[in-house]
Structure formats: C-alpha cells, structure tokens
PDB file of all heavy atoms in Angstrom:
ATOM      1  N   ALA A   1     -13.564   3.450  -2.762  1.00  0.00           N
ATOM      2  CA  ALA A   1     -13.509   2.724  -1.492  1.00  0.00           C
ATOM      3  C   ALA A   1     -12.312   3.159  -0.638  1.00  0.00           C
ATOM      4  O   ALA A   1     -12.396   3.180   0.591  1.00  0.00           O
ATOM      5  CB  ALA A   1     -13.457   1.221  -1.743  1.00  0.00           C
ATOM      6  N   TYR A   2     -11.217   3.526  -1.314  1.00  0.00           N
ATOM      7  CA  TYR A   2      -9.998   3.887  -0.586  1.00  0.00           C
ATOM      8  C   TYR A   2      -9.673   5.383  -0.671  1.00  0.00           C
ATOM      9  O   TYR A   2      -8.577   5.802  -0.289  1.00  0.00           O
ATOM     10  CB  TYR A   2      -8.812   3.044  -1.087  1.00  0.00           C
ATOM     11  CG  TYR A   2      -8.930   1.597  -0.657  1.00  0.00           C
ATOM     12  CD1 TYR A   2      -9.607   0.680  -1.437  1.00  0.00           C
ATOM     13  CD2 TYR A   2      -8.417   1.165   0.564  1.00  0.00           C
ATOM     14  CE1 TYR A   2      -9.759  -0.646  -1.036  1.00  0.00           C
ATOM     15  CE2 TYR A   2      -8.551  -0.154   0.979  1.00  0.00           C
ATOM     16  CZ  TYR A   2      -9.225  -1.057   0.172  1.00  0.00           C
ATOM     17  OH  TYR A   2      -9.375  -2.359   0.589  1.00  0.00           O
ATOM     18  N   GLY A   3     -10.621   6.170  -1.135  1.00  0.00           N
ATOM     19  CA  GLY A   3     -10.444   7.619  -1.136  1.00  0.00           C
ATOM     20  C   GLY A   3      -9.340   8.108  -2.041  1.00  0.00           C
ATOM     21  O   GLY A   3      -8.668   9.100  -1.732  1.00  0.00           O
ATOM     22  N   ILE A   4      -9.148   7.451  -3.188  1.00  0.00           N
ATOM     23  CA  ILE A   4      -8.114   7.871  -4.129  1.00  0.00           C
ATOM     24  C   ILE A   4      -8.713   8.882  -5.102  1.00  0.00           C
ATOM     25  O   ILE A   4      -9.589   8.553  -5.899  1.00  0.00           O
ATOM     26  CB  ILE A   4      -7.560   6.668  -4.927  1.00  0.00           C
ATOM     27  CG1 ILE A   4      -6.987   5.612  -3.976  1.00  0.00           C
ATOM     28  CG2 ILE A   4      -6.505   7.141  -5.919  1.00  0.00           C
ATOM     29  CD1 ILE A   4      -5.815   6.072  -3.160  1.00  0.00           C
ATOM     30  N   ASP A   5      -8.261  10.138  -5.038  1.00  0.00           N
ATOM     31  CA  ASP A   5      -8.771  11.166  -5.930  1.00  0.00           C
ATOM     32  C   ASP A   5      -7.648  11.868  -6.693  1.00  0.00           C
ATOM     33  O   ASP A   5      -7.837  12.917  -7.287  1.00  0.00           O
ATOM     34  CB  ASP A   5      -9.602  12.195  -5.169  1.00  0.00           C
ATOM     35  CG  ASP A   5      -8.816  12.901  -4.074  1.00  0.00           C
ATOM     36  OD1 ASP A   5      -7.602  12.630  -3.936  1.00  0.00           O
ATOM     37  OD2 ASP A   5      -9.406  13.723  -3.358  1.00  0.00           O
ATOM     38  N   GLU A   6      -6.469  11.252  -6.662  1.00  0.00           N
ATOM     39  CA  GLU A   6      -5.309  11.824  -7.343  1.00  0.00           C
ATOM     40  C   GLU A   6      -4.381  10.693  -7.724  1.00  0.00           C
ATOM     41  O   GLU A   6      -4.250   9.708  -6.987  1.00  0.00           O
ATOM     42  CB  GLU A   6      -4.603  12.817  -6.415  1.00  0.00           C
ATOM     43  CG  GLU A   6      -3.403  13.504  -7.017  1.00  0.00           C
ATOM     44  CD  GLU A   6      -2.796  14.538  -6.080  1.00  0.00           C
ATOM     45  OE1 GLU A   6      -3.433  14.878  -5.063  1.00  0.00           O
ATOM     46  OE2 GLU A   6      -1.690  15.006  -6.381  1.00  0.00           O
ATOM     47  N   ILE A   7      -3.761  10.804  -8.894  1.00  0.00           N
ATOM     48  CA  ILE A   7      -2.801   9.793  -9.298  1.00  0.00           C
ATOM     49  C   ILE A   7      -1.516  10.471  -9.799  1.00  0.00           C
ATOM     50  O   ILE A   7      -1.580  11.624 -10.253  1.00  0.00           O
ATOM     51  CB  ILE A   7      -3.371   8.866 -10.408  1.00  0.00           C
ATOM     52  CG1 ILE A   7      -3.928   9.691 -11.555  1.00  0.00           C
ATOM     53  CG2 ILE A   7      -4.397   7.920  -9.859  1.00  0.00           C
ATOM     54  CD1 ILE A   7      -4.358   8.879 -12.746  1.00  0.00           C
ATOM     55  N   PRO A   8      -0.383   9.774  -9.677  1.00  0.00           N
ATOM     56  CA  PRO A   8      -0.213   8.457  -9.087  1.00  0.00           C
ATOM     57  C   PRO A   8      -0.466   8.470  -7.582  1.00  0.00           C
ATOM     58  O   PRO A   8      -0.172   9.457  -6.901  1.00  0.00           O
ATOM     59  CB  PRO A   8       1.248   8.124  -9.384  1.00  0.00           C
ATOM     60  CG  PRO A   8       1.911   9.468  -9.493  1.00  0.00           C
ATOM     61  CD  PRO A   8       0.896  10.366 -10.118  1.00  0.00           C
ATOM     62  N   SER A   9      -1.019   7.370  -7.090  1.00  0.00           N
ATOM     63  CA  SER A   9      -1.193   7.191  -5.648  1.00  0.00           C
ATOM     64  C   SER A   9      -0.720   5.786  -5.286  1.00  0.00           C
ATOM     65  O   SER A   9      -0.750   4.874  -6.127  1.00  0.00           O
ATOM     66  CB  SER A   9      -2.662   7.348  -5.239  1.00  0.00           C
ATOM     67  OG  SER A   9      -3.040   8.690  -5.157  1.00  0.00           O
ATOM     68  N   PHE A  10      -0.305   5.638  -4.046  1.00  0.00           N
ATOM     69  CA  PHE A  10       0.163   4.344  -3.561  1.00  0.00           C
ATOM     70  C   PHE A  10      -0.477   4.049  -2.209  1.00  0.00           C
ATOM     71  O   PHE A  10      -0.625   4.950  -1.381  1.00  0.00           O
ATOM     72  CB  PHE A  10       1.688   4.327  -3.409  1.00  0.00           C
ATOM     73  CG  PHE A  10       2.433   4.435  -4.702  1.00  0.00           C
ATOM     74  CD1 PHE A  10       2.725   5.682  -5.254  1.00  0.00           C
ATOM     75  CD2 PHE A  10       2.829   3.300  -5.397  1.00  0.00           C
ATOM     76  CE1 PHE A  10       3.387   5.794  -6.455  1.00  0.00           C
ATOM     77  CE2 PHE A  10       3.498   3.407  -6.605  1.00  0.00           C
ATOM     78  CZ  PHE A  10       3.780   4.656  -7.137  1.00  0.00           C
ATOM     79  N   ILE A  11      -0.852   2.793  -2.030  1.00  0.00           N
ATOM     80  CA  ILE A  11      -1.305   2.330  -0.717  1.00  0.00           C
ATOM     81  C   ILE A  11      -0.401   1.177  -0.306  1.00  0.00           C
ATOM     82  O   ILE A  11      -0.136   0.262  -1.107  1.00  0.00           O
ATOM     83  CB  ILE A  11      -2.768   1.862  -0.734  1.00  0.00           C
ATOM     84  CG1 ILE A  11      -3.711   3.022  -1.040  1.00  0.00           C
ATOM     85  CG2 ILE A  11      -3.143   1.255   0.616  1.00  0.00           C
ATOM     86  CD1 ILE A  11      -5.183   2.631  -1.037  1.00  0.00           C
ATOM     87  N   VAL A  12       0.063   1.210   0.927  1.00  0.00           N
ATOM     88  CA  VAL A  12       0.898   0.139   1.471  1.00  0.00           C
ATOM     89  C   VAL A  12       0.068  -0.665   2.466  1.00  0.00           C
ATOM     90  O   VAL A  12      -0.513  -0.111   3.400  1.00  0.00           O
ATOM     91  CB  VAL A  12       2.139   0.709   2.177  1.00  0.00           C
ATOM     92  CG1 VAL A  12       2.972  -0.421   2.774  1.00  0.00           C
ATOM     93  CG2 VAL A  12       2.976   1.539   1.210  1.00  0.00           C
ATOM     94  N   PHE A  13       0.008  -1.972   2.234  1.00  0.00           N
ATOM     95  CA  PHE A  13      -0.678  -2.884   3.150  1.00  0.00           C
ATOM     96  C   PHE A  13       0.358  -3.749   3.849  1.00  0.00           C
ATOM     97  O   PHE A  13       1.318  -4.216   3.229  1.00  0.00           O
ATOM     98  CB  PHE A  13      -1.644  -3.807   2.393  1.00  0.00           C
ATOM     99  CG  PHE A  13      -2.878  -3.137   1.859  1.00  0.00           C
ATOM    100  CD1 PHE A  13      -2.865  -2.532   0.608  1.00  0.00           C
ATOM    101  CD2 PHE A  13      -4.055  -3.129   2.597  1.00  0.00           C
ATOM    102  CE1 PHE A  13      -4.000  -1.926   0.098  1.00  0.00           C
ATOM    103  CE2 PHE A  13      -5.196  -2.528   2.099  1.00  0.00           C
ATOM    104  CZ  PHE A  13      -5.171  -1.924   0.849  1.00  0.00           C
ATOM    105  N   HIS A  14       0.159  -3.963   5.125  1.00  0.00           N
ATOM    106  CA  HIS A  14       1.001  -4.896   5.884  1.00  0.00           C
ATOM    107  C   HIS A  14       0.071  -5.777   6.705  1.00  0.00           C
ATOM    108  O   HIS A  14      -0.662  -5.283   7.559  1.00  0.00           O
ATOM    109  CB  HIS A  14       1.974  -4.152   6.797  1.00  0.00           C
ATOM    110  CG  HIS A  14       2.890  -5.067   7.561  1.00  0.00           C
ATOM    111  ND1 HIS A  14       3.891  -5.784   6.945  1.00  0.00           N
ATOM    112  CD2 HIS A  14       2.937  -5.394   8.881  1.00  0.00           C
ATOM    113  CE1 HIS A  14       4.529  -6.500   7.865  1.00  0.00           C
ATOM    114  NE2 HIS A  14       3.978  -6.280   9.038  1.00  0.00           N
ATOM    115  N   GLN A  15       0.083  -7.065   6.372  1.00  0.00           N
ATOM    116  CA  GLN A  15      -0.780  -8.039   7.042  1.00  0.00           C
ATOM    117  C   GLN A  15      -2.247  -7.600   7.010  1.00  0.00           C
ATOM    118  O   GLN A  15      -2.965  -7.674   8.002  1.00  0.00           O
ATOM    119  CB  GLN A  15      -0.309  -8.259   8.488  1.00  0.00           C
ATOM    120  CG  GLN A  15       1.088  -8.859   8.553  1.00  0.00           C
ATOM    121  CD  GLN A  15       1.579  -9.103   9.971  1.00  0.00           C
ATOM    122  OE1 GLN A  15       1.040  -8.540  10.919  1.00  0.00           O
ATOM    123  NE2 GLN A  15       2.599  -9.934  10.115  1.00  0.00           N
ATOM    124  N   GLY A  16      -2.676  -7.141   5.839  1.00  0.00           N
ATOM    125  CA  GLY A  16      -4.076  -6.806   5.624  1.00  0.00           C
ATOM    126  C   GLY A  16      -4.503  -5.424   6.070  1.00  0.00           C
ATOM    127  O   GLY A  16      -5.650  -5.029   5.858  1.00  0.00           O
ATOM    128  N   LYS A  17      -3.593  -4.667   6.674  1.00  0.00           N
ATOM    129  CA  LYS A  17      -3.951  -3.336   7.162  1.00  0.00           C
ATOM    130  C   LYS A  17      -3.257  -2.243   6.342  1.00  0.00           C
ATOM    131  O   LYS A  17      -2.097  -2.398   5.958  1.00  0.00           O
ATOM    132  CB  LYS A  17      -3.562  -3.184   8.635  1.00  0.00           C
ATOM    133  CG  LYS A  17      -4.329  -4.114   9.574  1.00  0.00           C
ATOM    134  CD  LYS A  17      -3.899  -3.891  11.018  1.00  0.00           C
ATOM    135  CE  LYS A  17      -4.665  -4.801  11.970  1.00  0.00           C
ATOM    136  NZ  LYS A  17      -4.262  -4.592  13.381  1.00  0.00           N
ATOM    137  N   VAL A  18      -3.980  -1.153   6.105  1.00  0.00           N
ATOM    138  CA  VAL A  18      -3.387  -0.006   5.410  1.00  0.00           C
ATOM    139  C   VAL A  18      -2.457   0.709   6.381  1.00  0.00           C
ATOM    140  O   VAL A  18      -2.880   1.166   7.438  1.00  0.00           O
ATOM    141  CB  VAL A  18      -4.470   0.975   4.926  1.00  0.00           C
ATOM    142  CG1 VAL A  18      -3.820   2.217   4.309  1.00  0.00           C
ATOM    143  CG2 VAL A  18      -5.395   0.301   3.910  1.00  0.00           C
ATOM    144  N   ILE A  19      -1.183   0.789   6.021  1.00  0.00           N
ATOM    145  CA  ILE A  19      -0.237   1.476   6.905  1.00  0.00           C
ATOM    146  C   ILE A  19       0.295   2.770   6.286  1.00  0.00           C
ATOM    147  O   ILE A  19       0.946   3.567   6.968  1.00  0.00           O
ATOM    148  CB  ILE A  19       0.947   0.564   7.302  1.00  0.00           C
ATOM    149  CG1 ILE A  19       1.737   0.139   6.058  1.00  0.00           C
ATOM    150  CG2 ILE A  19       0.457  -0.633   8.080  1.00  0.00           C
ATOM    151  CD1 ILE A  19       3.033  -0.581   6.415  1.00  0.00           C
ATOM    152  N   GLU A  20       0.005   2.981   4.990  1.00  0.00           N
ATOM    153  CA  GLU A  20       0.467   4.205   4.340  1.00  0.00           C
ATOM    154  C   GLU A  20      -0.368   4.447   3.085  1.00  0.00           C
ATOM    155  O   GLU A  20      -0.694   3.518   2.350  1.00  0.00           O
ATOM    156  CB  GLU A  20       1.946   4.096   3.952  1.00  0.00           C
ATOM    157  CG  GLU A  20       2.529   5.316   3.264  1.00  0.00           C
ATOM    158  CD  GLU A  20       2.681   6.506   4.195  1.00  0.00           C
ATOM    159  OE1 GLU A  20       3.124   6.319   5.341  1.00  0.00           O
ATOM    160  OE2 GLU A  20       2.345   7.618   3.769  1.00  0.00           O
ATOM    161  N   LYS A  21      -0.728   5.693   2.868  1.00  0.00           N
ATOM    162  CA  LYS A  21      -1.387   6.091   1.615  1.00  0.00           C
ATOM    163  C   LYS A  21      -0.774   7.414   1.201  1.00  0.00           C
ATOM    164  O   LYS A  21      -0.753   8.363   1.982  1.00  0.00           O
ATOM    165  CB  LYS A  21      -2.896   6.231   1.804  1.00  0.00           C
ATOM    166  CG  LYS A  21      -3.625   6.522   0.493  1.00  0.00           C
ATOM    167  CD  LYS A  21      -5.143   6.417   0.634  1.00  0.00           C
ATOM    168  CE  LYS A  21      -5.722   7.651   1.284  1.00  0.00           C
ATOM    169  NZ  LYS A  21      -7.209   7.684   1.192  1.00  0.00           N
ATOM    170  N   THR A  22      -0.263   7.465  -0.003  1.00  0.00           N
ATOM    171  CA  THR A  22       0.410   8.673  -0.456  1.00  0.00           C
ATOM    172  C   THR A  22       0.110   8.911  -1.926  1.00  0.00           C
ATOM    173  O   THR A  22      -0.270   7.984  -2.649  1.00  0.00           O
ATOM    174  CB  THR A  22       1.936   8.559  -0.238  1.00  0.00           C
ATOM    175  OG1 THR A  22       2.566   9.781  -0.600  1.00  0.00           O
ATOM    176  CG2 THR A  22       2.526   7.434  -1.061  1.00  0.00           C
ATOM    177  N   SER A  23       0.266  10.151  -2.373  1.00  0.00           N
ATOM    178  CA  SER A  23       0.012  10.467  -3.769  1.00  0.00           C
ATOM    179  C   SER A  23       1.082  11.415  -4.283  1.00  0.00           C
ATOM    180  O   SER A  23       1.808  12.048  -3.511  1.00  0.00           O
ATOM    181  CB  SER A  23      -1.375  11.103  -3.935  1.00  0.00           C
ATOM    182  OG  SER A  23      -1.461  12.304  -3.195  1.00  0.00           O
ATOM    183  N   GLY A  24       1.185  11.484  -5.595  1.00  0.00           N
ATOM    184  CA  GLY A  24       2.159  12.370  -6.215  1.00  0.00           C
ATOM    185  C   GLY A  24       3.420  11.637  -6.638  1.00  0.00           C
ATOM    186  O   GLY A  24       3.665  10.495  -6.245  1.00  0.00           O
ATOM    187  N   PHE A  25       4.219  12.305  -7.447  1.00  0.00           N
ATOM    188  CA  PHE A  25       5.455  11.711  -7.956  1.00  0.00           C
ATOM    189  C   PHE A  25       6.477  11.533  -6.839  1.00  0.00           C
ATOM    190  O   PHE A  25       6.631  12.403  -5.977  1.00  0.00           O
ATOM    191  CB  PHE A  25       6.046  12.601  -9.054  1.00  0.00           C
ATOM    192  CG  PHE A  25       7.320  12.064  -9.628  1.00  0.00           C
ATOM    193  CD1 PHE A  25       7.295  11.073 -10.578  1.00  0.00           C
ATOM    194  CD2 PHE A  25       8.541  12.546  -9.189  1.00  0.00           C
ATOM    195  CE1 PHE A  25       8.481  10.558 -11.106  1.00  0.00           C
ATOM    196  CE2 PHE A  25       9.734  12.048  -9.701  1.00  0.00           C
ATOM    197  CZ  PHE A  25       9.694  11.049 -10.672  1.00  0.00           C
ATOM    198  N   ARG A  26       7.160  10.407  -6.845  1.00  0.00           N
ATOM    199  CA  ARG A  26       8.213  10.119  -5.865  1.00  0.00           C
ATOM    200  C   ARG A  26       9.452   9.630  -6.616  1.00  0.00           C
ATOM    201  O   ARG A  26       9.347   8.804  -7.518  1.00  0.00           O
ATOM    202  CB  ARG A  26       7.780   9.029  -4.874  1.00  0.00           C
ATOM    203  CG  ARG A  26       6.578   9.384  -4.035  1.00  0.00           C
ATOM    204  CD  ARG A  26       6.078   8.170  -3.252  1.00  0.00           C
ATOM    205  NE  ARG A  26       6.935   7.850  -2.124  1.00  0.00           N
ATOM    206  CZ  ARG A  26       6.693   8.195  -0.861  1.00  0.00           C
ATOM    207  NH1 ARG A  26       5.600   8.882  -0.575  1.00  0.00           N
ATOM    208  NH2 ARG A  26       7.502   7.863   0.112  1.00  0.00           N
ATOM    209  N   GLU A  27      10.611  10.146  -6.223  1.00  0.00           N
ATOM    210  CA  GLU A  27      11.864   9.621  -6.771  1.00  0.00           C
ATOM    211  C   GLU A  27      12.097   8.223  -6.191  1.00  0.00           C
ATOM    212  O   GLU A  27      11.472   7.835  -5.201  1.00  0.00           O
ATOM    213  CB  GLU A  27      13.034  10.543  -6.419  1.00  0.00           C
ATOM    214  CG  GLU A  27      12.947  11.935  -7.027  1.00  0.00           C
ATOM    215  CD  GLU A  27      13.163  11.951  -8.534  1.00  0.00           C
ATOM    216  OE1 GLU A  27      13.497  10.882  -9.112  1.00  0.00           O
ATOM    217  OE2 GLU A  27      12.987  13.019  -9.147  1.00  0.00           O
ATOM    218  N   GLU A  28      12.987   7.470  -6.803  1.00  0.00           N
ATOM    219  CA  GLU A  28      13.177   6.075  -6.419  1.00  0.00           C
ATOM    220  C   GLU A  28      13.477   5.859  -4.931  1.00  0.00           C
ATOM    221  O   GLU A  28      12.907   4.952  -4.311  1.00  0.00           O
ATOM    222  CB  GLU A  28      14.274   5.427  -7.275  1.00  0.00           C
ATOM    223  CG  GLU A  28      14.396   3.928  -7.025  1.00  0.00           C
ATOM    224  CD  GLU A  28      15.376   3.260  -7.971  1.00  0.00           C
ATOM    225  OE1 GLU A  28      15.547   3.753  -9.115  1.00  0.00           O
ATOM    226  OE2 GLU A  28      15.975   2.252  -7.583  1.00  0.00           O
ATOM    227  N   PRO A  29      14.368   6.655  -4.308  1.00  0.00           N
ATOM    228  CA  PRO A  29      14.629   6.423  -2.872  1.00  0.00           C
ATOM    229  C   PRO A  29      13.369   6.561  -2.020  1.00  0.00           C
ATOM    230  O   PRO A  29      13.165   5.786  -1.074  1.00  0.00           O
ATOM    231  CB  PRO A  29      15.659   7.510  -2.527  1.00  0.00           C
ATOM    232  CG  PRO A  29      16.353   7.795  -3.815  1.00  0.00           C
ATOM    233  CD  PRO A  29      15.268   7.701  -4.852  1.00  0.00           C
ATOM    234  N   LYS A  30      12.529   7.535  -2.335  1.00  0.00           N
ATOM    235  CA  LYS A  30      11.278   7.722  -1.588  1.00  0.00           C
ATOM    236  C   LYS A  30      10.291   6.602  -1.891  1.00  0.00           C
ATOM    237  O   LYS A  30       9.540   6.160  -1.021  1.00  0.00           O
ATOM    238  CB  LYS A  30      10.660   9.075  -1.931  1.00  0.00           C
ATOM    239  CG  LYS A  30      11.379  10.257  -1.304  1.00  0.00           C
ATOM    240  CD  LYS A  30      11.197  10.252   0.204  1.00  0.00           C
ATOM    241  CE  LYS A  30      11.832  11.473   0.841  1.00  0.00           C
ATOM    242  NZ  LYS A  30      11.669  11.472   2.317  1.00  0.00           N
ATOM    243  N   LEU A  31      10.285   6.144  -3.119  1.00  0.00           N
ATOM    244  CA  LEU A  31       9.413   5.040  -3.494  1.00  0.00           C
ATOM    245  C   LEU A  31       9.840   3.765  -2.770  1.00  0.00           C
ATOM    246  O   LEU A  31       8.998   2.986  -2.312  1.00  0.00           O
ATOM    247  CB  LEU A  31       9.464   4.829  -5.010  1.00  0.00           C
ATOM    248  CG  LEU A  31       8.522   3.800  -5.612  1.00  0.00           C
ATOM    249  CD1 LEU A  31       7.068   4.132  -5.286  1.00  0.00           C
ATOM    250  CD2 LEU A  31       8.727   3.717  -7.120  1.00  0.00           C
ATOM    251  N   LYS A  32      11.140   3.580  -2.634  1.00  0.00           N
ATOM    252  CA  LYS A  32      11.656   2.390  -1.957  1.00  0.00           C
ATOM    253  C   LYS A  32      11.214   2.344  -0.494  1.00  0.00           C
ATOM    254  O   LYS A  32      10.990   1.269   0.069  1.00  0.00           O
ATOM    255  CB  LYS A  32      13.189   2.360  -2.038  1.00  0.00           C
ATOM    256  CG  LYS A  32      13.805   1.088  -1.466  1.00  0.00           C
ATOM    257  CD  LYS A  32      15.311   1.039  -1.727  1.00  0.00           C
ATOM    258  CE  LYS A  32      15.911  -0.261  -1.192  1.00  0.00           C
ATOM    259  NZ  LYS A  32      17.364  -0.338  -1.474  1.00  0.00           N
ATOM    260  N   GLU A  33      11.037   3.515   0.108  1.00  0.00           N
ATOM    261  CA  GLU A  33      10.587   3.568   1.503  1.00  0.00           C
ATOM    262  C   GLU A  33       9.235   2.881   1.673  1.00  0.00           C
ATOM    263  O   GLU A  33       8.955   2.285   2.724  1.00  0.00           O
ATOM    264  CB  GLU A  33      10.486   5.021   1.974  1.00  0.00           C
ATOM    265  CG  GLU A  33      11.831   5.712   2.130  1.00  0.00           C
ATOM    266  CD  GLU A  33      11.696   7.172   2.526  1.00  0.00           C
ATOM    267  OE1 GLU A  33      10.546   7.632   2.700  1.00  0.00           O
ATOM    268  OE2 GLU A  33      12.741   7.850   2.654  1.00  0.00           O
ATOM    269  N   LEU A  34       8.388   2.949   0.649  1.00  0.00           N
ATOM    270  CA  LEU A  34       7.089   2.294   0.726  1.00  0.00           C
ATOM    271  C   LEU A  34       7.233   0.775   0.769  1.00  0.00           C
ATOM    272  O   LEU A  34       6.505   0.081   1.491  1.00  0.00           O
ATOM    273  CB  LEU A  34       6.213   2.701  -0.473  1.00  0.00           C
ATOM    274  CG  LEU A  34       5.920   4.188  -0.628  1.00  0.00           C
ATOM    275  CD1 LEU A  34       5.041   4.424  -1.847  1.00  0.00           C
ATOM    276  CD2 LEU A  34       5.238   4.748   0.622  1.00  0.00           C
ATOM    277  N   PHE A  35       8.181   0.259   0.008  1.00  0.00           N
ATOM    278  CA  PHE A  35       8.432  -1.180  -0.004  1.00  0.00           C
ATOM    279  C   PHE A  35       8.991  -1.641   1.338  1.00  0.00           C
ATOM    280  O   PHE A  35       8.630  -2.703   1.856  1.00  0.00           O
ATOM    281  CB  PHE A  35       9.405  -1.549  -1.129  1.00  0.00           C
ATOM    282  CG  PHE A  35       8.783  -1.534  -2.501  1.00  0.00           C
ATOM    283  CD1 PHE A  35       8.463  -0.346  -3.135  1.00  0.00           C
ATOM    284  CD2 PHE A  35       8.497  -2.733  -3.141  1.00  0.00           C
ATOM    285  CE1 PHE A  35       7.879  -0.332  -4.387  1.00  0.00           C
ATOM    286  CE2 PHE A  35       7.913  -2.737  -4.402  1.00  0.00           C
ATOM    287  CZ  PHE A  35       7.593  -1.526  -5.028  1.00  0.00           C
TER     288      PHE A  35
END
C-alpha cells in the first residue's frame, strides 16, 4: 500500500499525511531528523 520494497524503511506522518519516506541505514543524527 505504501510502496515499501526495501528495508529498513521509514515513513513519517504528520497530522495523517505522509511527509517523508526514506529507506536504508541512517546514523542517529539523520534518524533524529525524521522525528
């Protein structure tokens, strides 16, 4: 449904809307950007 064909993958939702979709390894500072 969300076009995920690679893992790890992350989707960021804000107020019900997808605002970011990314895949691949991320170090902690980059991961924190999603939060």
